[in-house]
């Protein structure tokens, strides 16, 4: 089965070596795997949340697009586009905003972190918080659900946003699907083998620490001079160097074969000087990125070529987004009565909210929650290793196919002889009440 994998890149700065090794290189390699339908997009609407410099956003869009193309992203084999070239995305984001509870957004890590920082400073909890920051998980959900992505490569700090996208998708399906699911449920893709490069001072390479190594910016001269600034110990040439904990050696490993790394380690153990070691590191890194740098410079000198590629990618993406948006407009009632048949209005009272289940995944495994009609959480399942098993058990519980065994003051919920929950008296009462709202 072909899996659709979607990756967003926020254009808010110039890519550095850490971005290349930690995100760009592995994502491009993954995009050419069999049975993978890869989508890559410049998340320029997201860039507006934190960057108020229009020239920086515009420049970064070019630099990042040129970087990905120079690094080997093939626009003929993937769908590569700008978020802002897909007008269906902000329209869809508004639809999702209208069905997403404020309570869900209150729990977003980025918003909670901003509130905690403000409270620590003794200022208003929402000081400096704009609605872009507050609701960007909804825009991220629109990015993912618009193209029905199965997998979204993210770091562990972004898992919550994928869970939110699943929750929002299930809510939309429940409210407007009428037996049809508009969206598949996306899951995070965590690559434990992705390299986290150390910077010049040994900490994680980050612009926040001002310890980055340039990728293409400044050419070979700046690359070499920056590598020469890597902090090392005071051991002199001829003295054995310990590679354990050496961030210079860690960098070399990321850009070499195991055999090359072993040879470099042996040289350091034999007393290779740090100056010579930095020269070898520069040569190793430059051997990989020099051909890309040439292509990058050519693209940056011809921005019209980048524009053509991105617009072609947007046209390709809109072959999916436009027909889906027509369905979504019809589902929520936003369609022309002259073009879309309107079902006769039934004589009934306002639709009553019902309880609903939401599935998710965390470090413990695959679980599901039950929310009552007022969107209060009343039930949390035990974790399961198999997502299909968890989904089947959830559906059976929803259909009333369960039993509850009382052992002393605990209530054990079983579906097909498989225990799905361990509850106290109050939790059991809430569970039964919520199931009755189905």
Protein backbone atom coordinates (compact mmCIF):
# COMPACT_ATOMS: atom_id res chain seq x y z
CA UNK A 1 0.00 0.00 0.00
CA UNK A 2 1.32 3.44 -0.93
CA UNK A 3 1.80 5.73 2.07
CA UNK A 4 1.55 9.49 1.67
CA UNK A 5 4.26 11.25 3.69
CA UNK A 6 4.07 15.03 4.15
CA UNK A 7 6.91 17.31 5.30
CA UNK A 8 6.61 21.03 6.00
CA UNK A 9 9.58 23.42 6.08
CA UNK A 10 9.17 26.84 7.71
CA UNK A 11 11.05 29.55 5.77
CA UNK A 12 12.31 31.74 8.60
CA UNK A 13 16.07 31.64 8.10
CA UNK A 14 19.04 30.34 6.10
CA UNK A 15 19.60 26.56 6.30
CA UNK A 16 22.78 25.41 8.05
CA UNK A 17 24.68 22.13 8.18
CA UNK A 18 22.56 20.81 11.06
CA UNK A 19 19.35 21.33 9.05
CA UNK A 20 20.88 19.42 6.16
CA UNK A 21 22.08 16.38 8.13
CA UNK A 22 19.15 16.28 10.56
CA UNK A 23 16.20 16.93 8.23
CA UNK A 24 16.95 17.58 4.57
CA UNK A 25 19.20 14.64 3.71
CA UNK A 26 17.13 11.93 5.49
CA UNK A 27 13.84 13.30 4.14
CA UNK A 28 15.09 13.30 0.53
CA UNK A 29 16.41 9.75 0.91
CA UNK A 30 13.06 8.64 2.34
CA UNK A 31 11.14 10.30 -0.51
CA UNK A 32 12.50 7.85 -3.08
CA UNK A 33 11.54 4.73 -1.12
CA UNK A 34 9.07 2.41 -2.87
CA UNK A 35 5.38 2.81 -2.01
CA UNK A 36 5.97 6.39 -0.80
CA UNK A 37 4.00 9.36 -2.13
CA UNK A 38 6.03 12.30 -0.80
CA UNK A 39 4.73 15.85 -0.31
CA UNK A 40 7.12 18.69 0.62
CA UNK A 41 5.95 22.25 1.17
CA UNK A 42 7.28 25.62 2.27
CA UNK A 43 5.16 26.53 5.29
CA UNK A 44 5.29 30.27 4.65
CA UNK A 45 2.02 31.02 6.47
CA UNK A 46 3.60 29.48 9.56
CA UNK A 47 6.66 31.72 9.12
CA UNK A 48 4.47 34.79 9.71
CA UNK A 49 3.81 33.68 13.30
CA UNK A 50 7.32 34.51 14.50
CA UNK A 51 8.91 36.53 11.70
CA UNK A 52 7.66 40.07 11.03
CA UNK A 53 10.37 40.89 8.47
CA UNK A 54 8.83 40.45 4.98
CA UNK A 55 12.22 40.59 3.23
CA UNK A 56 13.56 37.81 5.45
CA UNK A 57 10.53 35.61 4.75
CA UNK A 58 10.80 36.23 1.00
CA UNK A 59 14.55 35.59 0.96
CA UNK A 60 14.21 32.48 3.12
CA UNK A 61 11.57 31.01 0.80
CA UNK A 62 14.06 31.20 -2.08
CA UNK A 63 17.01 29.92 -0.04
CA UNK A 64 15.13 26.94 1.39
CA UNK A 65 13.56 25.96 -1.94
CA UNK A 66 16.99 26.18 -3.63
CA UNK A 67 18.57 24.18 -0.79
CA UNK A 68 16.12 21.29 -1.06
CA UNK A 69 16.38 21.20 -4.84
CA UNK A 70 20.17 21.39 -4.78
CA UNK A 71 20.30 18.61 -2.16
CA UNK A 72 18.51 16.27 -4.56
CA UNK A 73 14.77 16.72 -4.11
CA UNK A 74 13.24 15.70 -7.45
CA UNK A 75 10.08 17.74 -8.20
CA UNK A 76 9.09 15.18 -10.84
CA UNK A 77 8.94 12.42 -8.23
CA UNK A 78 7.47 14.35 -5.29
CA UNK A 79 4.92 17.13 -4.85
CA UNK A 80 6.86 20.30 -3.91
CA UNK A 81 4.89 23.50 -3.34
CA UNK A 82 4.42 26.66 -1.29
CA UNK A 83 1.69 26.62 1.31
CA UNK A 84 0.55 30.11 0.25
CA UNK A 85 -0.02 28.89 -3.33
CA UNK A 86 -2.80 26.56 -2.12
CA UNK A 87 -5.79 28.86 -1.36
CA UNK A 88 -7.84 25.90 -0.15
CA UNK A 89 -5.58 25.54 2.92
CA UNK A 90 -6.53 28.79 4.74
CA UNK A 91 -10.19 28.24 3.81
CA UNK A 92 -10.02 24.71 5.19
CA UNK A 93 -8.17 25.96 8.26
CA UNK A 94 -11.11 28.25 9.05
CA UNK A 95 -13.55 25.33 8.77
CA UNK A 96 -11.43 23.37 11.23
CA UNK A 97 -11.15 26.39 13.53
CA UNK A 98 -14.93 26.45 13.79
CA UNK A 99 -15.12 22.87 15.08
CA UNK A 100 -12.04 22.89 17.34
CA UNK A 101 -12.58 23.52 21.02
CA UNK A 102 -10.66 26.29 22.74
CA UNK A 103 -9.77 23.80 25.45
CA UNK A 104 -7.79 21.74 22.95
CA UNK A 105 -5.77 24.79 21.92
CA UNK A 106 -5.22 25.72 25.56
CA UNK A 107 -3.33 22.45 25.95
CA UNK A 108 -0.90 23.08 23.07
CA UNK A 109 2.69 22.94 24.31
CA UNK A 110 3.85 26.13 22.55
CA UNK A 111 0.99 28.18 24.00
CA UNK A 112 1.41 26.71 27.50
CA UNK A 113 5.15 27.44 27.36
CA UNK A 114 4.46 31.08 26.44
CA UNK A 115 1.96 31.40 29.30
CA UNK A 116 4.41 29.82 31.77
CA UNK A 117 7.15 32.23 30.70
CA UNK A 118 4.83 35.21 31.12
CA UNK A 119 3.72 34.05 34.55
CA UNK A 120 7.36 33.63 35.59
CA UNK A 121 7.97 37.24 34.50
CA UNK A 122 4.90 38.42 36.41
CA UNK A 123 3.14 39.80 33.32
CA UNK A 124 -0.24 39.03 31.73
CA UNK A 125 -0.38 35.31 30.80
CA UNK A 126 -1.20 36.14 27.17
CA UNK A 127 1.36 38.95 26.78
CA UNK A 128 2.92 38.74 23.32
CA UNK A 129 0.77 35.78 22.29
CA UNK A 130 -0.86 36.32 18.89
CA UNK A 131 -3.62 34.19 17.40
CA UNK A 132 -1.16 32.69 14.94
CA UNK A 133 0.83 31.14 17.78
CA UNK A 134 -2.33 30.13 19.63
CA UNK A 135 -4.07 28.41 16.74
CA UNK A 136 -1.21 27.24 14.54
CA UNK A 137 -1.90 23.56 15.42
CA UNK A 138 -5.15 24.01 13.49
CA UNK A 139 -3.32 25.36 10.43
CA UNK A 140 -0.90 22.45 10.75
CA UNK A 141 -3.88 20.07 10.84
CA UNK A 142 -5.21 21.71 7.66
CA UNK A 143 -1.81 21.20 5.97
CA UNK A 144 -1.89 17.50 6.83
CA UNK A 145 -5.57 16.67 6.31
CA UNK A 146 -5.89 18.63 3.05
CA UNK A 147 -3.77 15.95 1.39
CA UNK A 148 -4.78 13.02 3.59
CA UNK A 149 -1.22 12.29 4.67
CA UNK A 150 -0.70 8.98 6.44
CA UNK A 151 2.63 9.89 8.03
CA UNK A 152 4.23 13.17 9.09
CA UNK A 153 7.96 13.16 9.97
CA UNK A 154 8.36 15.23 13.14
CA UNK A 155 10.53 15.51 16.22
CA UNK A 156 9.18 14.29 19.54
CA UNK A 157 8.24 17.85 20.50
CA UNK A 158 5.73 17.88 17.62
CA UNK A 159 3.91 14.61 18.42
CA UNK A 160 1.15 16.50 20.23
CA UNK A 161 0.28 18.42 17.05
CA UNK A 162 -0.19 15.19 15.10
CA UNK A 163 -2.47 13.93 17.89
CA UNK A 164 -4.45 17.18 17.61
CA UNK A 165 -4.73 16.72 13.84
CA UNK A 166 -6.18 13.24 14.42
CA UNK A 167 -8.61 14.57 17.01
CA UNK A 168 -9.76 17.35 14.65
CA UNK A 169 -10.08 14.92 11.72
CA UNK A 170 -12.23 12.55 13.76
CA UNK A 171 -14.41 15.41 14.96
CA UNK A 172 -14.99 16.66 11.39
CA UNK A 173 -15.73 13.12 10.17
CA UNK A 174 -18.15 12.65 13.07
CA UNK A 175 -19.95 15.98 12.55
CA UNK A 176 -20.19 16.07 8.77
CA UNK A 177 -19.30 12.65 7.42
CA UNK A 178 -22.79 11.08 7.54
CA UNK A 179 -21.18 7.66 7.42
CA UNK A 180 -18.28 8.76 5.21
CA UNK A 181 -14.79 9.60 6.44
CA UNK A 182 -13.31 12.56 4.59
CA UNK A 183 -9.90 12.10 6.20
CA UNK A 184 -7.51 9.31 7.03
CA UNK A 185 -6.00 9.60 10.50
CA UNK A 186 -2.37 10.78 10.32
CA UNK A 187 0.42 9.47 12.52
CA UNK A 188 3.82 10.85 13.40
CA UNK A 189 6.94 9.35 11.85
CA UNK A 190 9.87 9.44 14.25
CA UNK A 191 13.27 8.50 12.83
CA UNK A 192 15.48 7.59 15.78
CA UNK A 193 18.53 7.38 13.49
CA UNK A 194 18.37 11.03 12.36
CA UNK A 195 21.57 12.83 13.31
CA UNK A 196 21.53 15.73 15.75
CA UNK A 197 24.69 17.63 14.88
CA UNK A 198 26.79 19.29 17.57
CA UNK A 199 27.67 22.90 16.95
CA UNK A 200 30.97 24.72 17.33
CA UNK A 201 30.77 24.56 21.14
CA UNK A 202 29.46 21.00 21.45
CA UNK A 203 25.84 21.95 22.13
CA UNK A 204 23.13 21.10 19.60
CA UNK A 205 23.74 23.08 16.42
CA UNK A 206 21.22 25.93 16.57
CA UNK A 207 20.96 29.57 15.55
CA UNK A 208 19.71 30.22 19.08
CA UNK A 209 23.19 29.28 20.36
CA UNK A 210 25.01 31.04 17.50
CA UNK A 211 27.07 27.87 16.99
CA UNK A 212 26.06 26.82 13.48
CA UNK A 213 28.18 25.75 10.53
CA UNK A 214 26.99 27.19 7.19
CA UNK A 215 25.72 24.86 4.50
CA UNK A 216 26.09 26.90 1.29
CA UNK A 217 26.27 30.46 2.57
CA UNK A 218 29.71 32.01 2.11
CA UNK A 219 31.10 29.15 0.01
CA UNK A 220 34.15 27.03 0.83
CA UNK A 221 35.99 29.91 2.52
CA UNK A 222 33.34 30.49 5.20
CA UNK A 223 32.83 26.74 5.67
CA UNK A 224 36.52 26.20 6.34
CA UNK A 225 36.93 29.24 8.61
CA UNK A 226 33.87 28.20 10.65
CA UNK A 227 35.13 24.61 11.05
CA UNK A 228 38.44 26.05 12.27
CA UNK A 229 36.50 27.65 15.17
CA UNK A 230 35.28 24.29 16.54
CA UNK A 231 36.22 24.08 20.20
CA UNK A 232 38.67 21.25 21.02
CA UNK A 233 40.78 20.31 24.04
CA UNK A 234 44.38 21.43 24.61
CA UNK A 235 46.12 18.23 23.52
CA UNK A 236 49.03 18.95 21.21
CA UNK A 237 50.01 17.21 17.94
CA UNK A 238 51.52 13.83 18.76
CA UNK A 239 49.35 13.36 21.84
CA UNK A 240 46.56 10.72 21.54
CA UNK A 241 43.09 12.26 21.15
CA UNK A 242 40.01 10.74 22.78
CA UNK A 243 37.15 10.53 20.24
CA UNK A 244 34.59 9.71 22.95
CA UNK A 245 32.62 12.94 23.40
CA UNK A 246 34.56 14.76 20.69
CA UNK A 247 32.05 16.82 18.70
CA UNK A 248 34.62 17.24 15.91
CA UNK A 249 34.70 13.46 15.51
CA UNK A 250 30.88 13.28 15.75
CA UNK A 251 30.65 15.68 12.81
CA UNK A 252 33.12 13.61 10.81
CA UNK A 253 31.08 10.44 11.45
CA UNK A 254 27.89 11.99 10.07
CA UNK A 255 29.58 12.77 6.74
CA UNK A 256 31.63 9.60 6.28
CA UNK A 257 31.33 5.88 5.80
CA UNK A 258 32.00 3.60 8.80
CA UNK A 259 35.37 2.71 7.26
CA UNK A 260 36.35 6.36 6.83
CA UNK A 261 35.28 7.13 10.40
CA UNK A 262 37.35 4.25 11.79
CA UNK A 263 40.41 5.42 9.88
CA UNK A 264 39.94 8.98 11.19
CA UNK A 265 39.52 7.68 14.74
CA UNK A 266 42.78 5.73 14.44
CA UNK A 267 44.60 8.86 13.24
CA UNK A 268 43.32 10.84 16.22
CA UNK A 269 44.33 8.08 18.63
CA UNK A 270 47.80 8.12 17.01
CA UNK A 271 48.20 11.84 17.74
CA UNK A 272 46.80 13.69 14.71
CA UNK A 273 46.81 17.42 15.52
CA UNK A 274 43.51 19.23 15.90
CA UNK A 275 44.41 21.67 13.14
CA UNK A 276 45.02 18.83 10.69
CA UNK A 277 41.87 17.09 11.94
CA UNK A 278 39.79 20.20 11.19
CA UNK A 279 41.29 20.32 7.69
CA UNK A 280 40.27 16.69 7.13
CA UNK A 281 36.77 17.41 8.47
CA UNK A 282 36.41 20.34 6.05
CA UNK A 283 37.53 18.18 3.12
CA UNK A 284 35.08 15.40 4.06
CA UNK A 285 32.08 17.74 4.41
CA UNK A 286 32.99 19.79 1.35
CA UNK A 287 33.29 16.63 -0.78
CA UNK A 288 29.59 16.00 -0.19
CA UNK A 289 28.17 19.50 -0.40
CA UNK A 290 30.39 21.17 -3.05
CA UNK A 291 28.35 19.79 -6.01
CA UNK A 292 25.16 20.86 -4.24
CA UNK A 293 26.59 24.31 -3.58
CA UNK A 294 27.21 24.81 -7.28
CA UNK A 295 23.61 23.87 -8.09
CA UNK A 296 22.34 26.05 -5.22
CA UNK A 297 24.21 29.10 -6.48
CA UNK A 298 22.86 28.51 -9.99
CA UNK A 299 19.28 28.32 -8.67
CA UNK A 300 19.68 31.45 -6.53
CA UNK A 301 20.99 33.29 -9.57
CA UNK A 302 17.87 32.22 -11.50
CA UNK A 303 14.91 32.62 -9.12
CA UNK A 304 12.44 32.31 -12.00
CA UNK A 305 13.39 28.64 -12.27
CA UNK A 306 12.54 28.13 -8.60
CA UNK A 307 9.25 29.94 -9.14
CA UNK A 308 8.36 27.70 -12.09
CA UNK A 309 9.07 24.55 -10.07
CA UNK A 310 7.00 25.71 -7.10
CA UNK A 311 4.05 26.82 -9.23
CA UNK A 312 4.11 23.50 -11.09
CA UNK A 313 4.09 21.75 -7.71
CA UNK A 314 1.17 23.86 -6.54
CA UNK A 315 -0.81 22.97 -9.67
CA UNK A 316 -0.12 19.30 -8.98
CA UNK A 317 -1.17 19.65 -5.33
CA UNK A 318 -4.36 21.51 -6.23
CA UNK A 319 -5.52 18.58 -8.32
CA UNK A 320 -6.14 17.05 -4.88
CA UNK A 321 -7.10 20.09 -2.79
CA UNK A 322 -9.69 21.62 -5.15
CA UNK A 323 -12.02 18.60 -5.53
CA UNK A 324 -11.71 17.81 -1.81
CA UNK A 325 -12.61 21.39 -0.92
CA UNK A 326 -15.72 21.15 -3.09
CA UNK A 327 -16.78 18.13 -1.05
CA UNK A 328 -16.02 19.90 2.22
CA UNK A 329 -17.95 23.02 1.22
CA UNK A 330 -20.94 20.87 0.39
CA UNK A 331 -20.57 18.94 3.65
CA UNK A 332 -20.73 22.08 5.81
CA UNK A 333 -23.42 23.78 3.70
CA UNK A 334 -21.26 26.23 1.75
CA UNK A 335 -22.26 25.46 -1.83
CA UNK A 336 -24.39 26.89 -4.59
CA UNK A 337 -27.94 25.49 -4.63
CA UNK A 338 -27.84 25.80 -8.44
CA UNK A 339 -24.82 23.53 -8.77
CA UNK A 340 -25.20 21.05 -5.93
CA UNK A 341 -28.47 19.26 -5.16
CA UNK A 342 -29.77 20.26 -1.75
CA UNK A 343 -31.42 17.60 0.37
CA UNK A 344 -34.92 18.50 1.59
CA UNK A 345 -34.96 20.12 4.99
CA UNK A 346 -36.18 17.75 7.65
CA UNK A 347 -38.50 18.94 10.37
CA UNK A 348 -36.24 18.25 13.31
CA UNK A 349 -34.72 20.03 16.23
CA UNK A 350 -31.13 21.22 16.41
CA UNK A 351 -28.58 18.43 16.21
CA UNK A 352 -27.62 17.19 19.66
CA UNK A 353 -23.98 16.59 20.45
CA UNK A 354 -23.05 13.03 21.37
CA UNK A 355 -20.12 11.31 23.02
CA UNK A 356 -17.16 10.54 20.78
CA UNK A 357 -13.99 8.47 20.78
CA UNK A 358 -10.53 9.78 19.83
CA UNK A 359 -7.51 7.55 19.17
CA UNK A 360 -3.91 8.61 19.69
CA UNK A 361 -0.39 7.31 20.18
CA UNK A 362 2.19 8.15 22.83
CA UNK A 363 5.30 6.52 24.28
CA UNK A 364 3.16 3.87 26.02
CA UNK A 365 1.52 2.73 22.77
CA UNK A 366 -1.81 3.18 20.97
CA UNK A 367 -4.74 4.30 23.14
CA UNK A 368 -8.16 5.89 22.83
CA UNK A 369 -10.18 8.37 24.85
CA UNK A 370 -13.90 8.89 25.23
CA UNK A 371 -15.29 12.42 25.50
CA UNK A 372 -18.83 13.13 26.63
CA UNK A 373 -21.25 15.45 24.83
CA UNK A 374 -19.72 18.43 26.63
CA UNK A 375 -16.22 17.49 25.41
CA UNK A 376 -15.06 16.38 28.85
CA UNK A 377 -12.69 13.42 28.94
CA UNK A 378 -14.34 10.54 30.80
CA UNK A 379 -12.35 7.49 29.77
CA UNK A 380 -8.79 6.53 28.84
CA UNK A 381 -7.95 3.05 27.60
CA UNK A 382 -4.95 0.93 28.43
CA UNK A 383 -2.12 1.11 25.82
CA UNK A 384 -1.85 -1.41 22.98
CA UNK A 385 1.09 -2.21 20.74
CA UNK A 386 -1.03 -2.82 17.63
CA UNK A 387 -2.94 0.20 16.25
CA UNK A 388 -5.40 -2.05 14.39
CA UNK A 389 -6.23 -3.92 17.59
CA UNK A 390 -6.73 -0.65 19.47
CA UNK A 391 -9.02 0.66 16.71
CA UNK A 392 -11.10 -2.53 16.63
CA UNK A 393 -11.49 -2.58 20.41
CA UNK A 394 -12.56 1.07 20.36
CA UNK A 395 -15.25 0.36 17.76
CA UNK A 396 -16.53 -2.66 19.69
CA UNK A 397 -16.71 -0.66 22.90
CA UNK A 398 -18.53 2.09 21.03
CA UNK A 399 -21.02 -0.50 19.78
CA UNK A 400 -21.70 -1.68 23.32
CA UNK A 401 -19.82 -4.98 22.99
CA UNK A 402 -18.17 -4.99 26.42
CA UNK A 403 -18.48 -6.26 29.94
CA UNK A 404 -17.37 -4.85 33.28
CA UNK A 405 -16.01 -7.09 36.07
CA UNK A 406 -15.82 -5.67 39.59
CA UNK A 407 -12.86 -6.80 41.71
CA UNK A 408 -13.04 -5.18 45.13
CA UNK A 409 -13.25 -1.44 44.46
CA UNK A 410 -11.96 -1.58 40.85
CA UNK A 411 -13.91 -2.04 37.63
CA UNK A 412 -12.20 -3.87 34.77
CA UNK A 413 -13.62 -3.24 31.29
CA UNK A 414 -13.26 -6.13 28.81
CA UNK A 415 -13.89 -6.35 25.06
CA UNK A 416 -13.59 -9.85 23.55
CA UNK A 417 -11.86 -11.03 26.76
CA UNK A 418 -9.22 -8.30 26.33
CA UNK A 419 -9.00 -5.79 29.15
CA UNK A 420 -9.20 -2.23 27.86
CA UNK A 421 -9.46 -0.25 31.10
CA UNK A 422 -9.08 -0.33 34.89
CA UNK A 423 -11.49 2.16 36.51
CA UNK A 424 -12.66 3.32 39.90
CA UNK A 425 -16.35 3.76 40.75
CA UNK A 426 -16.59 7.37 39.55
CA UNK A 427 -14.80 6.59 36.29
CA UNK A 428 -17.08 3.66 35.62
CA UNK A 429 -20.17 5.82 36.21
CA UNK A 430 -18.89 8.45 33.78
CA UNK A 431 -18.10 5.76 31.20
CA UNK A 432 -21.58 4.28 31.34
CA UNK A 433 -23.18 7.72 31.19
CA UNK A 434 -21.10 8.73 28.15
CA UNK A 435 -21.80 5.45 26.32
CA UNK A 436 -25.49 6.06 26.81
CA UNK A 437 -25.07 9.34 24.85
CA UNK A 438 -23.89 7.44 21.77
